[in-house]
Protein backbone atom coordinates (compact mmCIF):
# COMPACT_ATOMS: atom_id res chain seq x y z
CA UNK A 1 -0.13 0.36 -0.31
CA UNK A 2 3.05 2.51 0.98
CA UNK A 3 5.02 1.49 -2.31
CA UNK A 4 1.29 2.41 -4.49
CA UNK A 5 0.98 6.27 -2.86
CA UNK A 6 4.68 6.60 -3.42
CA UNK A 7 3.76 5.50 -6.89
CA UNK A 8 0.92 7.83 -7.43
CA UNK A 9 2.55 11.48 -5.82
CA UNK A 10 5.84 10.78 -8.57
CA UNK A 11 3.09 10.30 -11.59
CA UNK A 12 1.47 13.77 -10.07
CA UNK A 13 4.43 15.77 -9.32
CA UNK A 14 5.72 14.55 -13.16
CA UNK A 15 2.01 15.58 -14.30
CA UNK A 16 1.93 18.59 -13.03
CA UNK A 17 5.93 18.99 -13.24
CA UNK A 18 4.87 18.78 -17.36
CA UNK A 19 1.80 21.07 -17.15
CA UNK A 20 4.11 23.95 -15.51
CA UNK A 21 6.41 23.59 -18.15
CA UNK A 22 4.31 23.69 -21.23
CA UNK A 23 2.64 26.07 -20.04
CA UNK A 24 5.61 28.76 -20.00
CA UNK A 25 6.63 27.80 -23.08
CA UNK A 26 3.30 29.16 -24.75
CA UNK A 27 3.51 32.28 -22.81
CA UNK A 28 4.56 34.72 -25.04
CA UNK A 29 8.34 36.52 -24.10
CA UNK A 30 6.65 40.65 -24.08
CA UNK A 31 3.47 39.56 -22.58
CA UNK A 32 4.33 41.83 -19.48
CA UNK A 33 3.27 45.87 -19.84
CA UNK A 34 6.73 45.32 -17.81
CA UNK A 35 9.93 45.39 -21.26
CA UNK A 36 12.80 44.55 -19.28
CA UNK A 37 16.24 45.65 -20.76
CA UNK A 38 18.14 42.71 -19.44
CA UNK A 39 17.76 41.42 -23.81
CA UNK A 40 19.93 44.18 -24.47
CA UNK A 41 23.23 42.91 -25.61
CA UNK A 42 25.28 46.41 -25.26
CA UNK A 43 25.56 48.21 -21.88
CA UNK A 44 25.16 51.65 -22.74
CA UNK A 45 21.44 50.98 -24.79
CA UNK A 46 20.16 50.72 -20.74
CA UNK A 47 18.81 53.35 -18.84
CA UNK A 48 17.93 54.11 -15.56
CA UNK A 49 13.88 55.19 -15.48
CA UNK A 50 11.04 55.15 -12.62
CA UNK A 51 7.86 54.86 -13.77
CA UNK A 52 4.57 56.45 -12.28
CA UNK A 53 1.62 53.95 -13.51
CA UNK A 54 -1.74 54.78 -12.44
CA UNK A 55 -5.54 53.64 -12.53
CA UNK A 56 -6.76 55.72 -14.79
CA UNK A 57 -6.18 58.68 -17.72
CA UNK A 58 -6.53 61.52 -15.47
CA UNK A 59 -3.70 60.24 -13.41
CA UNK A 60 -4.91 60.75 -9.82
CA UNK A 61 -4.87 57.61 -7.88
CA UNK A 62 -0.89 56.25 -8.40
CA UNK A 63 -1.12 52.66 -8.71
CA UNK A 64 2.73 51.39 -9.58
CA UNK A 65 6.35 52.37 -9.41
CA UNK A 66 8.13 50.33 -12.29
CA UNK A 67 11.92 50.83 -11.37
CA UNK A 68 14.83 50.01 -14.59
CA UNK A 69 18.46 49.77 -12.87
CA UNK A 70 21.44 49.66 -15.28
CA UNK A 71 22.43 46.38 -14.56
CA UNK A 72 19.30 45.17 -16.17
CA UNK A 73 16.75 43.98 -13.40
CA UNK A 74 13.36 45.83 -12.84
CA UNK A 75 11.36 45.75 -10.06
CA UNK A 76 7.35 46.82 -9.53
CA UNK A 77 5.87 48.13 -6.63
CA UNK A 78 2.49 47.71 -6.70
CA UNK A 79 1.15 47.26 -10.09
CA UNK A 80 1.26 48.05 -13.14
CA UNK A 81 -1.16 49.03 -16.24
CA UNK A 82 -1.42 50.86 -19.88
CA UNK A 83 -2.12 55.08 -18.06
CA UNK A 84 1.66 55.32 -16.93
CA UNK A 85 3.74 58.84 -16.97
CA UNK A 86 8.02 58.30 -17.23
CA UNK A 87 9.05 60.13 -14.33
CA UNK A 88 13.19 59.48 -14.15
CA UNK A 89 15.61 58.38 -17.47
CA UNK A 90 19.13 59.01 -17.28
CA UNK A 91 21.52 57.03 -19.90
CA UNK A 92 23.79 53.81 -17.29
CA UNK A 93 27.63 53.76 -17.56
CA UNK A 94 28.55 49.85 -17.04
CA UNK A 95 26.47 48.82 -14.12
CA UNK A 96 25.26 52.51 -12.84
CA UNK A 97 23.76 55.13 -13.53
CA UNK A 98 26.36 58.49 -15.20
């Protein structure tokens, strides 16, 4: 009985792993609202950016802040929306702001 339950757990784990792998492979690469600069071939192409995201076109209620760093990493506090305002956009010198 114990061997049978271990086999069921192994099958369930394998099925879950396969499902997750296949579902993540079907998602388009740039499906999200955040676009990361890590895919750039040149560090000079990266910029330090801070973007504010608002709930609607009036830009009265801020719902998120996106930070895009010189090292290619991005963070999001809150949520991103289609209503945004770039408040900082500085060139990068390597992994630091110039």
